[in-house]
Amino acid sequence: MRLRGGGFCWIASYPKSGNTWMRLALAGLLAGGARHDFARPLAFAPFAADRAEVERALDLESSDFTMAECADLRALAAVELAREAEATLYRRVHEAWEYTPSGRALFPPEATLASLYMVRDPRDVAVSYAHHTGIPVDAAILALGDPANTWAIRPGGIGAAFPQHLSTWSGHVESWLAATPTPLVLRYEDMRDDPAGCLAQVAAHLRIAASDAVITATVAATRFDVLRQGEAERGFFNGQVAGQAFFRRGVAGAWRDELTRDQVARIERDHGAVMSRMGYL
């Protein structure tokens, strides 16, 4: 069960907006509704920014290039990998949809079969972002409003992933809403309220032949209590700070009892226009 032909399916979101949940659900759909084995890391849909994959595709050493040149290398590698692929290449993305300094689309349309974009209320994102990274909530709110916010920058060193430019929460959302080809946009809150309906949309968008029974099984396998129990029993590391659970609360609207009035006002002042566009105000 896959898209017709080779190429990429980008599973994109601003951090802490349901990307991992969607990857678990999509992996379940493709596996007939099977649950994730928490004894093993989640290997489905690795990072699009993986440095080793680009180096293998282009047979080069990326440390010899500037950051701007590496962005072009990623775009070129995506086209090459899509050209050679016989099956869909699922990749997770946390960065904004944008063009490289030389004008190439970082996620080339000619290499893209489909995209999914998960979006979540930024008030909840700020709380979850703070817990995940171990920073104060006020710092997380500043990060959501920082146009230069970039992950995986390592001064004086080369990391396993290329730097990933997030932009602001609003800029990130707007970039993917304008992406080519147009992604299927799913709100985290709608996934909470109607997971079966949302997964049916995903299956249709990706042309996955998932029966109602498979969708029902996938919903059961990815309930938050099931995921939280799996993490409690076996562990689940996905970049969070030491001692912090990845599957923490998984609710919509938790910001109401975790943010101060001033913090809510700051987020709504920074992102009100896009929040209204996405139905959060």
Protein backbone atom coordinates (compact mmCIF):
# COMPACT_ATOMS: atom_id res chain seq x y z
CA MET A 1 0.00 0.00 0.00
CA ARG A 2 1.85 3.10 -1.23
CA LEU A 3 1.61 5.99 -3.61
CA ARG A 4 1.96 5.13 -7.27
CA GLY A 5 5.60 5.37 -8.31
CA GLY A 6 8.65 6.66 -6.50
CA GLY A 7 9.07 10.02 -4.87
CA PHE A 8 8.59 11.74 -1.54
CA CYS A 9 5.71 12.10 0.86
CA TRP A 10 6.63 14.89 3.28
CA ILE A 11 5.04 14.66 6.73
CA ALA A 12 5.49 18.22 7.91
CA SER A 13 4.70 20.27 10.99
CA TYR A 14 6.08 22.85 13.33
CA PRO A 15 7.65 20.95 16.27
CA LYS A 16 5.24 19.54 18.86
CA SER A 17 2.24 19.65 16.54
CA GLY A 18 1.48 15.95 16.11
CA ASN A 19 4.13 14.87 13.60
CA THR A 20 5.15 11.76 15.56
CA TRP A 21 1.52 10.84 16.17
CA MET A 22 0.84 11.10 12.44
CA ARG A 23 3.89 9.02 11.59
CA LEU A 24 2.77 6.29 14.00
CA ALA A 25 -0.73 6.39 12.49
CA LEU A 26 0.52 6.36 8.91
CA ALA A 27 2.89 3.48 9.68
CA GLY A 28 -0.10 1.66 11.17
CA LEU A 29 -2.21 2.26 8.07
CA LEU A 30 0.53 0.89 5.85
CA ALA A 31 0.94 -2.15 8.12
CA GLY A 32 -2.73 -3.06 8.26
CA GLY A 33 -3.43 -1.41 11.61
CA ALA A 34 -0.47 -2.87 13.52
CA ARG A 35 0.72 -1.24 16.74
CA HIS A 36 4.17 0.25 17.10
CA ASP A 37 6.64 -2.04 18.88
CA PHE A 38 8.03 0.15 21.65
CA ALA A 39 10.97 -2.22 22.03
CA ARG A 40 12.29 -0.60 18.83
CA PRO A 41 12.84 3.03 17.78
CA LEU A 42 10.34 4.55 15.38
CA ALA A 43 12.15 4.13 12.07
CA PHE A 44 9.26 5.11 9.79
CA ALA A 45 9.69 8.43 7.96
CA PRO A 46 13.19 9.51 9.02
CA PHE A 47 14.25 13.16 8.99
CA ALA A 48 14.32 14.86 5.60
CA ALA A 49 17.33 16.79 6.89
CA ASP A 50 19.46 13.66 7.41
CA ARG A 51 22.99 14.51 6.32
CA ALA A 52 24.10 10.93 5.60
CA GLU A 53 21.28 10.32 3.11
CA VAL A 54 22.22 13.38 1.07
CA GLU A 55 25.88 12.43 1.07
CA ARG A 56 25.10 8.91 -0.11
CA ALA A 57 22.76 10.16 -2.84
CA LEU A 58 25.30 12.61 -4.25
CA ASP A 59 28.49 10.71 -3.30
CA LEU A 60 30.12 13.66 -1.57
CA GLU A 61 31.19 14.99 1.82
CA SER A 62 28.82 17.80 2.84
CA SER A 63 31.22 19.27 5.41
CA ASP A 64 33.14 20.73 2.46
CA PHE A 65 30.19 23.02 1.62
CA THR A 66 28.66 26.15 3.14
CA MET A 67 25.22 26.11 4.78
CA ALA A 68 23.72 27.79 1.70
CA GLU A 69 25.34 25.24 -0.59
CA CYS A 70 24.12 22.40 1.62
CA ALA A 71 20.55 23.59 1.12
CA ASP A 72 21.05 23.21 -2.63
CA LEU A 73 22.59 19.79 -2.08
CA ARG A 74 19.46 18.70 -0.22
CA ALA A 75 17.22 19.81 -3.08
CA LEU A 76 19.42 18.07 -5.64
CA ALA A 77 19.56 14.89 -3.55
CA ALA A 78 15.77 14.85 -3.24
CA VAL A 79 15.38 14.92 -7.01
CA GLU A 80 17.99 12.19 -7.46
CA LEU A 81 16.48 9.95 -4.77
CA ALA A 82 12.98 10.41 -6.19
CA ARG A 83 14.21 9.57 -9.69
CA GLU A 84 15.72 6.29 -8.50
CA ALA A 85 12.98 5.30 -6.04
CA GLU A 86 10.56 2.51 -6.85
CA ALA A 87 8.45 3.10 -3.75
CA THR A 88 7.23 6.10 -1.80
CA LEU A 89 9.88 7.76 0.35
CA TYR A 90 8.21 8.98 3.55
CA ARG A 91 10.12 11.71 5.40
CA ARG A 92 9.34 13.89 8.39
CA VAL A 93 9.91 17.64 8.18
CA HIS A 94 9.96 20.30 10.89
CA GLU A 95 11.25 23.19 8.82
CA ALA A 96 9.40 25.76 6.79
CA TRP A 97 8.67 25.18 3.08
CA GLU A 98 11.02 27.59 1.37
CA TYR A 99 13.52 28.18 -1.38
CA THR A 100 17.27 27.82 -1.09
CA PRO A 101 19.45 30.96 -1.42
CA SER A 102 19.98 30.11 -5.10
CA GLY A 103 16.24 29.79 -5.76
CA ARG A 104 15.64 26.03 -5.65
CA ALA A 105 12.64 24.67 -3.75
CA LEU A 106 14.04 22.87 -0.71
CA PHE A 107 11.30 20.26 -1.17
CA PRO A 108 11.20 20.10 -4.97
CA PRO A 109 7.72 19.70 -6.48
CA GLU A 110 9.17 17.38 -9.14
CA ALA A 111 10.34 15.03 -6.36
CA THR A 112 7.11 15.27 -4.35
CA LEU A 113 4.24 12.82 -4.61
CA ALA A 114 2.25 14.30 -1.72
CA SER A 115 2.55 16.24 1.54
CA LEU A 116 0.75 16.16 4.86
CA TYR A 117 0.84 19.22 7.11
CA MET A 118 -0.07 18.97 10.79
CA VAL A 119 -0.96 22.22 12.56
CA ARG A 120 -1.73 22.80 16.24
CA ASP A 121 -2.90 25.71 18.37
CA PRO A 122 0.31 27.68 19.11
CA ARG A 123 -0.75 28.15 22.72
CA ASP A 124 -0.55 24.38 23.17
CA VAL A 125 2.58 24.20 21.02
CA ALA A 126 4.36 26.67 23.32
CA VAL A 127 3.63 24.54 26.40
CA SER A 128 4.65 21.28 24.74
CA TYR A 129 7.75 22.89 23.16
CA ALA A 130 8.88 24.09 26.58
CA HIS A 131 8.51 20.66 28.16
CA HIS A 132 10.17 18.90 25.23
CA THR A 133 13.23 21.14 25.13
CA GLY A 134 13.51 21.88 28.85
CA ILE A 135 13.28 25.64 28.44
CA PRO A 136 10.95 28.08 30.24
CA VAL A 137 7.56 28.70 28.65
CA ASP A 138 8.46 32.36 28.06
CA ALA A 139 11.51 31.24 26.08
CA ALA A 140 9.35 28.86 24.05
CA ILE A 141 6.95 31.70 23.25
CA LEU A 142 9.89 33.81 22.07
CA ALA A 143 11.07 30.92 19.88
CA LEU A 144 7.63 30.65 18.26
CA GLY A 145 7.89 34.32 17.33
CA ASP A 146 11.51 34.28 16.12
CA PRO A 147 11.89 34.47 12.30
CA ALA A 148 15.45 33.12 12.62
CA ASN A 149 14.52 30.08 14.75
CA THR A 150 16.64 27.22 13.39
CA TRP A 151 17.21 23.72 14.75
CA ALA A 152 20.38 21.61 14.69
CA ILE A 153 22.91 24.42 14.47
CA ARG A 154 26.16 23.16 16.04
CA PRO A 155 28.83 25.88 16.35
CA GLY A 156 32.23 24.43 15.50
CA GLY A 157 30.83 21.02 14.55
CA ILE A 158 28.88 19.04 11.99
CA GLY A 159 25.72 17.31 13.20
CA ALA A 160 23.91 14.27 11.87
CA ALA A 161 21.19 16.57 10.51
CA PHE A 162 21.44 19.72 8.44
CA PRO A 163 20.27 22.97 10.12
CA GLN A 164 16.50 23.31 9.80
CA HIS A 165 14.97 26.77 9.53
CA LEU A 166 11.61 26.85 11.29
CA SER A 167 10.80 30.58 11.05
CA THR A 168 7.98 31.77 13.31
CA TRP A 169 4.99 29.56 14.01
CA SER A 170 2.91 31.80 11.73
CA GLY A 171 5.55 31.87 9.01
CA HIS A 172 5.87 28.11 9.16
CA VAL A 173 2.13 27.56 8.73
CA GLU A 174 1.83 30.08 5.91
CA SER A 175 4.81 28.58 4.08
CA TRP A 176 3.24 25.13 3.98
CA LEU A 177 -0.22 26.42 3.10
CA ALA A 178 1.41 27.93 0.00
CA ALA A 179 3.56 24.86 -0.77
CA THR A 180 3.61 23.16 -4.17
CA PRO A 181 1.97 20.71 -4.54
CA THR A 182 -0.76 21.67 -2.09
CA PRO A 183 -0.56 19.56 1.10
CA LEU A 184 -3.40 17.95 2.98
CA VAL A 185 -3.72 20.13 6.10
CA LEU A 186 -4.82 18.42 9.30
CA ARG A 187 -5.38 20.13 12.63
CA TYR A 188 -4.12 18.31 15.72
CA GLU A 189 -7.42 19.11 17.40
CA ASP A 190 -9.42 17.45 14.63
CA MET A 191 -7.23 14.36 14.89
CA ARG A 192 -8.15 14.25 18.58
CA ASP A 193 -11.87 14.67 17.92
CA ASP A 194 -12.24 12.46 14.83
CA PRO A 195 -9.17 10.28 14.28
CA ALA A 196 -10.98 7.84 12.00
CA GLY A 197 -12.27 10.62 9.77
CA CYS A 198 -8.85 12.27 9.58
CA LEU A 199 -7.09 8.99 8.77
CA ALA A 200 -9.63 8.32 6.05
CA GLN A 201 -8.66 11.71 4.56
CA VAL A 202 -4.98 10.79 4.82
CA ALA A 203 -5.55 7.43 3.12
CA ALA A 204 -7.49 9.08 0.30
CA HIS A 205 -4.90 11.84 -0.17
CA LEU A 206 -2.03 9.36 -0.29
CA ARG A 207 -4.02 6.79 -2.28
CA ILE A 208 -3.53 4.13 0.40
CA ALA A 209 -6.07 1.32 0.11
CA ALA A 210 -6.96 1.21 3.81
CA SER A 211 -10.26 -0.47 4.69
CA ASP A 212 -12.56 0.73 7.45
CA ALA A 213 -11.28 -2.15 9.57
CA VAL A 214 -7.67 -1.07 9.08
CA ILE A 215 -8.53 2.52 9.94
CA THR A 216 -10.37 1.37 13.08
CA ALA A 217 -7.42 -0.79 14.13
CA THR A 218 -4.99 2.08 13.50
CA VAL A 219 -7.07 4.45 15.62
CA ALA A 220 -7.06 1.90 18.45
CA ALA A 221 -3.31 1.35 18.13
CA THR A 222 -2.53 5.08 18.31
CA ARG A 223 -4.82 6.18 21.14
CA PHE A 224 -2.85 8.43 23.45
CA ASP A 225 -3.29 6.13 26.44
CA VAL A 226 -1.91 3.24 24.38
CA LEU A 227 1.12 5.28 23.31
CA ARG A 228 1.72 6.58 26.81
CA GLN A 229 1.55 3.05 28.23
CA GLY A 230 3.98 1.80 25.60
CA GLU A 231 6.42 4.57 26.49
CA ALA A 232 6.06 3.86 30.21
CA GLU A 233 6.82 0.19 29.68
CA ARG A 234 9.58 0.38 27.09
CA GLY A 235 10.64 3.99 26.78
CA PHE A 236 10.41 6.27 23.76
CA PHE A 237 13.13 8.77 22.95
CA ASN A 238 12.37 11.31 20.25
CA GLY A 239 14.61 14.23 21.08
CA GLN A 240 13.08 15.27 24.41
CA VAL A 241 15.26 16.32 27.35
CA ALA A 242 16.30 13.63 29.84
CA GLY A 243 13.60 12.65 32.29
CA GLN A 244 10.75 14.10 30.22
CA ALA A 245 8.05 11.85 28.79
CA PHE A 246 7.44 12.30 25.08
CA PHE A 247 3.73 11.42 25.29
CA ARG A 248 2.95 13.84 28.10
CA ARG A 249 -0.70 14.93 27.99
CA GLY A 250 -1.88 14.78 24.41
CA VAL A 251 -4.90 17.00 24.92
CA ALA A 252 -6.20 20.04 23.11
CA GLY A 253 -6.59 23.22 25.13
CA ALA A 254 -4.15 22.32 27.92
CA TRP A 255 -2.79 25.86 27.60
CA ARG A 256 -5.80 27.09 29.58
CA ASP A 257 -4.38 25.75 32.82
CA GLU A 258 -0.66 26.06 31.96
CA LEU A 259 -0.24 29.57 30.56
CA THR A 260 -0.61 32.90 32.31
CA ARG A 261 -2.89 35.59 30.94
CA ASP A 262 0.12 37.59 29.76
CA GLN A 263 1.61 34.57 27.98
CA VAL A 264 -1.66 33.91 26.16
CA ALA A 265 -1.87 37.57 25.15
CA ARG A 266 1.70 37.49 23.77
CA ILE A 267 1.00 34.43 21.61
CA GLU A 268 -2.27 35.83 20.32
CA ARG A 269 -0.62 39.17 19.56
CA ASP A 270 2.21 37.47 17.66
CA HIS A 271 0.10 34.97 15.74
CA GLY A 272 -3.51 36.15 15.86
CA ALA A 273 -3.96 36.48 12.10
CA VAL A 274 -2.89 32.93 11.32
CA MET A 275 -4.64 31.57 14.41
CA SER A 276 -7.87 33.05 13.10
CA ARG A 277 -7.21 31.61 9.65
CA MET A 278 -6.77 28.14 11.18
CA GLY A 279 -9.84 28.45 13.44
CA TYR A 280 -8.08 28.99 16.77
CA LEU A 281 -9.55 32.42 17.49
